[in-house]
C-alpha atoms as a PDB file:
ATOM      1  CA  UNK A   1      22.800  29.122  -0.289  1.00  0.00           C
ATOM      2  CA  UNK A   2      21.350  25.708   0.402  1.00  0.00           C
ATOM      3  CA  UNK A   3      17.690  26.197   1.251  1.00  0.00           C
ATOM      4  CA  UNK A   4      16.174  23.369   3.323  1.00  0.00           C
ATOM      5  CA  UNK A   5      12.720  24.087   1.912  1.00  0.00           C
ATOM      6  CA  UNK A   6      13.881  22.745  -1.497  1.00  0.00           C
ATOM      7  CA  UNK A   7      13.999  19.219  -0.049  1.00  0.00           C
ATOM      8  CA  UNK A   8      10.418  19.357   1.164  1.00  0.00           C
ATOM      9  CA  UNK A   9       7.000  18.744  -0.276  1.00  0.00           C
ATOM     10  CA  UNK A  10       4.924  21.908   0.016  1.00  0.00           C
ATOM     11  CA  UNK A  11       1.151  21.710  -0.311  1.00  0.00           C
ATOM     12  CA  UNK A  12      -1.164  24.645  -0.185  1.00  0.00           C
ATOM     13  CA  UNK A  13      -4.937  24.141  -0.060  1.00  0.00           C
ATOM     14  CA  UNK A  14      -7.237  25.323   2.730  1.00  0.00           C
ATOM     15  CA  UNK A  15      -4.198  24.523   4.878  1.00  0.00           C
ATOM     16  CA  UNK A  16      -0.461  24.653   4.246  1.00  0.00           C
ATOM     17  CA  UNK A  17       1.793  21.652   4.719  1.00  0.00           C
ATOM     18  CA  UNK A  18       5.585  21.606   4.496  1.00  0.00           C
ATOM     19  CA  UNK A  19       6.919  18.084   4.868  1.00  0.00           C
ATOM     20  CA  UNK A  20      10.051  16.053   4.405  1.00  0.00           C
ATOM     21  CA  UNK A  21       8.122  12.764   4.503  1.00  0.00           C
ATOM     22  CA  UNK A  22       5.056  12.398   2.248  1.00  0.00           C
ATOM     23  CA  UNK A  23       3.644   9.710   4.572  1.00  0.00           C
ATOM     24  CA  UNK A  24       2.835  12.535   7.004  1.00  0.00           C
ATOM     25  CA  UNK A  25       0.639  14.453   4.570  1.00  0.00           C
ATOM     26  CA  UNK A  26      -2.691  15.149   6.271  1.00  0.00           C
ATOM     27  CA  UNK A  27      -4.778  15.626   3.107  1.00  0.00           C
ATOM     28  CA  UNK A  28      -5.771  12.058   2.048  1.00  0.00           C
ATOM     29  CA  UNK A  29      -5.955  12.678  -1.710  1.00  0.00           C
ATOM     30  CA  UNK A  30      -2.591  14.485  -1.826  1.00  0.00           C
ATOM     31  CA  UNK A  31      -1.034  11.734   0.329  1.00  0.00           C
ATOM     32  CA  UNK A  32      -2.433   8.937  -1.850  1.00  0.00           C
ATOM     33  CA  UNK A  33      -1.627  10.448  -5.237  1.00  0.00           C
ATOM     34  CA  UNK A  34       1.878  11.648  -4.384  1.00  0.00           C
ATOM     35  CA  UNK A  35       2.665   8.199  -2.977  1.00  0.00           C
ATOM     36  CA  UNK A  36       1.003   6.386  -5.905  1.00  0.00           C
ATOM     37  CA  UNK A  37       2.945   8.476  -8.464  1.00  0.00           C
ATOM     38  CA  UNK A  38       6.136   8.417  -6.342  1.00  0.00           C
ATOM     39  CA  UNK A  39       6.414  12.206  -6.274  1.00  0.00           C
ATOM     40  CA  UNK A  40       8.548  13.895  -3.638  1.00  0.00           C
ATOM     41  CA  UNK A  41       9.919  17.380  -3.187  1.00  0.00           C
ATOM     42  CA  UNK A  42       7.140  19.061  -5.127  1.00  0.00           C
ATOM     43  CA  UNK A  43       5.225  22.249  -4.476  1.00  0.00           C
ATOM     44  CA  UNK A  44       1.513  22.268  -5.302  1.00  0.00           C
ATOM     45  CA  UNK A  45      -0.932  25.113  -4.677  1.00  0.00           C
ATOM     46  CA  UNK A  46      -4.682  24.748  -5.113  1.00  0.00           C
ATOM     47  CA  UNK A  47      -7.464  27.300  -4.930  1.00  0.00           C
ATOM     48  CA  UNK A  48     -11.170  26.546  -4.634  1.00  0.00           C
ATOM     49  CA  UNK A  49     -14.279  28.645  -4.180  1.00  0.00           C
ATOM     50  CA  UNK A  50     -16.120  25.626  -2.748  1.00  0.00           C
ATOM     51  CA  UNK A  51     -15.446  24.146   0.655  1.00  0.00           C
ATOM     52  CA  UNK A  52     -15.416  20.360   0.743  1.00  0.00           C
ATOM     53  CA  UNK A  53     -18.330  18.345   2.051  1.00  0.00           C
ATOM     54  CA  UNK A  54     -21.141  20.239   0.315  1.00  0.00           C
ATOM     55  CA  UNK A  55     -22.284  17.377  -1.904  1.00  0.00           C
ATOM     56  CA  UNK A  56     -21.432  19.250  -5.103  1.00  0.00           C
ATOM     57  CA  UNK A  57     -18.693  16.913  -6.327  1.00  0.00           C
ATOM     58  CA  UNK A  58     -15.816  19.183  -5.298  1.00  0.00           C
ATOM     59  CA  UNK A  59     -13.803  16.254  -3.915  1.00  0.00           C
ATOM     60  CA  UNK A  60     -14.065  14.337  -7.183  1.00  0.00           C
ATOM     61  CA  UNK A  61     -13.225  17.494  -9.125  1.00  0.00           C
ATOM     62  CA  UNK A  62     -10.159  18.035  -6.950  1.00  0.00           C
ATOM     63  CA  UNK A  63      -9.033  14.415  -7.343  1.00  0.00           C
ATOM     64  CA  UNK A  64      -9.460  14.394 -11.136  1.00  0.00           C
ATOM     65  CA  UNK A  65      -7.702  17.761 -11.502  1.00  0.00           C
ATOM     66  CA  UNK A  66      -4.763  16.643  -9.351  1.00  0.00           C
ATOM     67  CA  UNK A  67      -4.406  13.391 -11.309  1.00  0.00           C
ATOM     68  CA  UNK A  68      -4.448  15.347 -14.588  1.00  0.00           C
ATOM     69  CA  UNK A  69      -1.892  17.808 -13.198  1.00  0.00           C
ATOM     70  CA  UNK A  70       0.457  15.020 -12.050  1.00  0.00           C
ATOM     71  CA  UNK A  71       0.175  13.237 -15.393  1.00  0.00           C
ATOM     72  CA  UNK A  72       0.862  16.467 -17.302  1.00  0.00           C
ATOM     73  CA  UNK A  73       3.856  17.100 -15.003  1.00  0.00           C
ATOM     74  CA  UNK A  74       5.130  13.614 -15.910  1.00  0.00           C
ATOM     75  CA  UNK A  75       4.424  14.277 -19.644  1.00  0.00           C
ATOM     76  CA  UNK A  76       1.786  11.536 -19.703  1.00  0.00           C
ATOM     77  CA  UNK A  77      -1.499  11.895 -21.556  1.00  0.00           C
ATOM     78  CA  UNK A  78      -4.663  10.339 -20.168  1.00  0.00           C
ATOM     79  CA  UNK A  79      -7.909   9.755 -22.006  1.00  0.00           C
ATOM     80  CA  UNK A  80     -11.048  11.058 -20.292  1.00  0.00           C
ATOM     81  CA  UNK A  81     -12.125   7.480 -19.566  1.00  0.00           C
ATOM     82  CA  UNK A  82      -8.768   6.621 -17.955  1.00  0.00           C
ATOM     83  CA  UNK A  83      -8.866   9.843 -15.919  1.00  0.00           C
ATOM     84  CA  UNK A  84     -12.295   8.765 -14.621  1.00  0.00           C
ATOM     85  CA  UNK A  85     -10.946   5.291 -13.765  1.00  0.00           C
ATOM     86  CA  UNK A  86      -7.892   6.734 -11.993  1.00  0.00           C
ATOM     87  CA  UNK A  87     -10.115   9.083  -9.967  1.00  0.00           C
ATOM     88  CA  UNK A  88     -12.441   6.237  -8.986  1.00  0.00           C
ATOM     89  CA  UNK A  89      -9.494   4.025  -8.051  1.00  0.00           C
ATOM     90  CA  UNK A  90      -8.064   6.755  -5.836  1.00  0.00           C
ATOM     91  CA  UNK A  91     -11.295   7.659  -4.053  1.00  0.00           C
ATOM     92  CA  UNK A  92     -13.137   4.325  -3.954  1.00  0.00           C
ATOM     93  CA  UNK A  93     -10.431   1.651  -3.954  1.00  0.00           C
ATOM     94  CA  UNK A  94      -7.385   3.108  -2.206  1.00  0.00           C
ATOM     95  CA  UNK A  95      -9.058   5.692   0.065  1.00  0.00           C
ATOM     96  CA  UNK A  96     -12.088   3.431   0.666  1.00  0.00           C
ATOM     97  CA  UNK A  97     -14.638   6.239   0.308  1.00  0.00           C
ATOM     98  CA  UNK A  98     -18.083   4.933  -0.516  1.00  0.00           C
ATOM     99  CA  UNK A  99     -20.258   6.456  -3.193  1.00  0.00           C
ATOM    100  CA  UNK A 100     -21.055   6.204  -6.861  1.00  0.00           C
ATOM    101  CA  UNK A 101     -19.040   7.100  -9.937  1.00  0.00           C
ATOM    102  CA  UNK A 102     -21.218   9.888 -11.334  1.00  0.00           C
ATOM    103  CA  UNK A 103     -19.218  12.771  -9.809  1.00  0.00           C
ATOM    104  CA  UNK A 104     -15.944  11.594 -11.353  1.00  0.00           C
ATOM    105  CA  UNK A 105     -17.571  11.132 -14.767  1.00  0.00           C
ATOM    106  CA  UNK A 106     -19.402  14.474 -14.654  1.00  0.00           C
ATOM    107  CA  UNK A 107     -16.313  16.444 -13.650  1.00  0.00           C
ATOM    108  CA  UNK A 108     -14.050  14.867 -16.281  1.00  0.00           C
ATOM    109  CA  UNK A 109     -16.487  15.063 -19.211  1.00  0.00           C
ATOM    110  CA  UNK A 110     -18.133  18.373 -18.281  1.00  0.00           C
ATOM    111  CA  UNK A 111     -21.267  19.751 -19.861  1.00  0.00           C
ATOM    112  CA  UNK A 112     -24.775  18.362 -19.635  1.00  0.00           C
ATOM    113  CA  UNK A 113     -24.719  14.645 -20.278  1.00  0.00           C
ATOM    114  CA  UNK A 114     -26.805  11.521 -20.120  1.00  0.00           C
ATOM    115  CA  UNK A 115     -24.592   8.896 -18.468  1.00  0.00           C
ATOM    116  CA  UNK A 116     -25.528   5.268 -19.019  1.00  0.00           C
ATOM    117  CA  UNK A 117     -24.186   2.787 -16.475  1.00  0.00           C
ATOM    118  CA  UNK A 118     -24.153  -0.916 -17.216  1.00  0.00           C
ATOM    119  CA  UNK A 119     -21.742  -3.079 -15.262  1.00  0.00           C
ATOM    120  CA  UNK A 120     -19.350  -1.862 -12.591  1.00  0.00           C
ATOM    121  CA  UNK A 121     -16.873   0.565 -14.215  1.00  0.00           C
ATOM    122  CA  UNK A 122     -18.770   0.396 -17.505  1.00  0.00           C
ATOM    123  CA  UNK A 123     -20.402   3.612 -18.629  1.00  0.00           C
ATOM    124  CA  UNK A 124     -21.239   5.584 -21.731  1.00  0.00           C
ATOM    125  CA  UNK A 125     -21.397   9.374 -21.805  1.00  0.00           C
ATOM    126  CA  UNK A 126     -23.836  10.952 -24.229  1.00  0.00           C
ATOM    127  CA  UNK A 127     -23.530  14.704 -24.519  1.00  0.00           C
ATOM    128  CA  UNK A 128     -26.995  16.216 -24.686  1.00  0.00           C
ATOM    129  CA  UNK A 129     -27.566  18.620 -27.554  1.00  0.00           C
ATOM    130  CA  UNK A 130     -29.145  21.578 -25.799  1.00  0.00           C
ATOM    131  CA  UNK A 131     -29.451  24.977 -27.447  1.00  0.00           C
ATOM    132  CA  UNK A 132     -27.828  27.955 -25.709  1.00  0.00           C
ATOM    133  CA  UNK A 133     -31.192  29.593 -25.041  1.00  0.00           C
ATOM    134  CA  UNK A 134     -32.305  26.552 -23.024  1.00  0.00           C
ATOM    135  CA  UNK A 135     -29.025  26.470 -21.110  1.00  0.00           C
ATOM    136  CA  UNK A 136     -29.342  30.187 -20.255  1.00  0.00           C
ATOM    137  CA  UNK A 137     -32.943  29.624 -19.139  1.00  0.00           C
ATOM    138  CA  UNK A 138     -31.830  26.738 -16.947  1.00  0.00           C
ATOM    139  CA  UNK A 139     -28.978  28.795 -15.466  1.00  0.00           C
ATOM    140  CA  UNK A 140     -31.349  31.717 -14.805  1.00  0.00           C
ATOM    141  CA  UNK A 141     -33.744  29.366 -12.997  1.00  0.00           C
ATOM    142  CA  UNK A 142     -31.176  27.906 -10.606  1.00  0.00           C
ATOM    143  CA  UNK A 143     -29.748  29.255  -7.410  1.00  0.00           C
ATOM    144  CA  UNK A 144     -27.490  27.850  -4.745  1.00  0.00           C
ATOM    145  CA  UNK A 145     -27.882  28.342  -1.022  1.00  0.00           C
ATOM    146  CA  UNK A 146     -25.112  27.816   1.518  1.00  0.00           C
ATOM    147  CA  UNK A 147     -26.229  26.818   5.018  1.00  0.00           C
ATOM    148  CA  UNK A 148     -22.743  26.429   6.486  1.00  0.00           C
ATOM    149  CA  UNK A 149     -23.322  22.714   7.094  1.00  0.00           C
ATOM    150  CA  UNK A 150     -21.209  19.900   5.754  1.00  0.00           C
ATOM    151  CA  UNK A 151     -22.226  16.457   4.676  1.00  0.00           C
ATOM    152  CA  UNK A 152     -19.914  13.595   3.902  1.00  0.00           C
ATOM    153  CA  UNK A 153     -21.293  11.709   0.935  1.00  0.00           C
ATOM    154  CA  UNK A 154     -19.213   8.666   1.848  1.00  0.00           C
ATOM    155  CA  UNK A 155     -21.345   8.367   4.990  1.00  0.00           C
ATOM    156  CA  UNK A 156     -24.625   9.039   3.157  1.00  0.00           C
ATOM    157  CA  UNK A 157     -24.269   6.733   0.178  1.00  0.00           C
ATOM    158  CA  UNK A 158     -27.414   6.797  -1.929  1.00  0.00           C
ATOM    159  CA  UNK A 159     -26.971   3.098  -2.678  1.00  0.00           C
ATOM    160  CA  UNK A 160     -27.677   2.293   0.996  1.00  0.00           C
ATOM    161  CA  UNK A 161     -30.860   4.363   1.074  1.00  0.00           C
ATOM    162  CA  UNK A 162     -34.134   2.473   1.195  1.00  0.00           C
ATOM    163  CA  UNK A 163     -36.431   4.039  -1.347  1.00  0.00           C
ATOM    164  CA  UNK A 164     -40.196   4.070  -1.241  1.00  0.00           C
ATOM    165  CA  UNK A 165     -42.041   2.791  -4.314  1.00  0.00           C
ATOM    166  CA  UNK A 166     -43.130   6.353  -5.255  1.00  0.00           C
ATOM    167  CA  UNK A 167     -39.516   7.511  -5.146  1.00  0.00           C
ATOM    168  CA  UNK A 168     -38.419   4.634  -7.351  1.00  0.00           C
ATOM    169  CA  UNK A 169     -41.213   5.454  -9.804  1.00  0.00           C
ATOM    170  CA  UNK A 170     -40.103   9.122  -9.901  1.00  0.00           C
ATOM    171  CA  UNK A 171     -36.491   8.101 -10.522  1.00  0.00           C
ATOM    172  CA  UNK A 172     -37.567   5.885 -13.435  1.00  0.00           C
ATOM    173  CA  UNK A 173     -39.656   8.755 -14.797  1.00  0.00           C
ATOM    174  CA  UNK A 174     -36.651  11.098 -14.514  1.00  0.00           C
ATOM    175  CA  UNK A 175     -34.499   8.529 -16.331  1.00  0.00           C
ATOM    176  CA  UNK A 176     -37.077   8.299 -19.129  1.00  0.00           C
ATOM    177  CA  UNK A 177     -37.122  12.101 -19.519  1.00  0.00           C
ATOM    178  CA  UNK A 178     -33.337  12.068 -19.767  1.00  0.00           C
ATOM    179  CA  UNK A 179     -33.480   9.381 -22.457  1.00  0.00           C
ATOM    180  CA  UNK A 180     -35.959  11.495 -24.432  1.00  0.00           C
ATOM    181  CA  UNK A 181     -33.659  14.541 -24.142  1.00  0.00           C
ATOM    182  CA  UNK A 182     -30.741  12.414 -25.376  1.00  0.00           C
END
């Protein structure tokens, strides 16, 4: 039997899309990456415990994971740095979402890191050497609350925020503590 569904792109995320034409994909990251990598007639299923728009980097995690998946599917290896660059290019350049680069770097490198930014697209990731006891203590001291409200970080870019002098001083102090921990 000839099954018409075999000629379609099928995407499953919080919604389900079955399409003949990838230009009609509603999910912007799927649409961009499938077009960019010239993929058609594929079936991709994703599962996430986090809804988007919570400010936890889930969008950047999704983008990086999908790029890695597509590259693996095409038998192409990407370095961590190139995976970061591809994620940034997708989200910031092609999709025109505003924001920084820290979410893409954090999701690709994982762990607890001190990230040094110099010029645009130039960064260095230093993995912090933290003993397991300290990590467990940190994990035991954290909790996450869900208020059923979404925020769109592209609309709330930190770079456009006007900071008070005390806030700037606290950020510099935080940066110095991170350098000490490094």
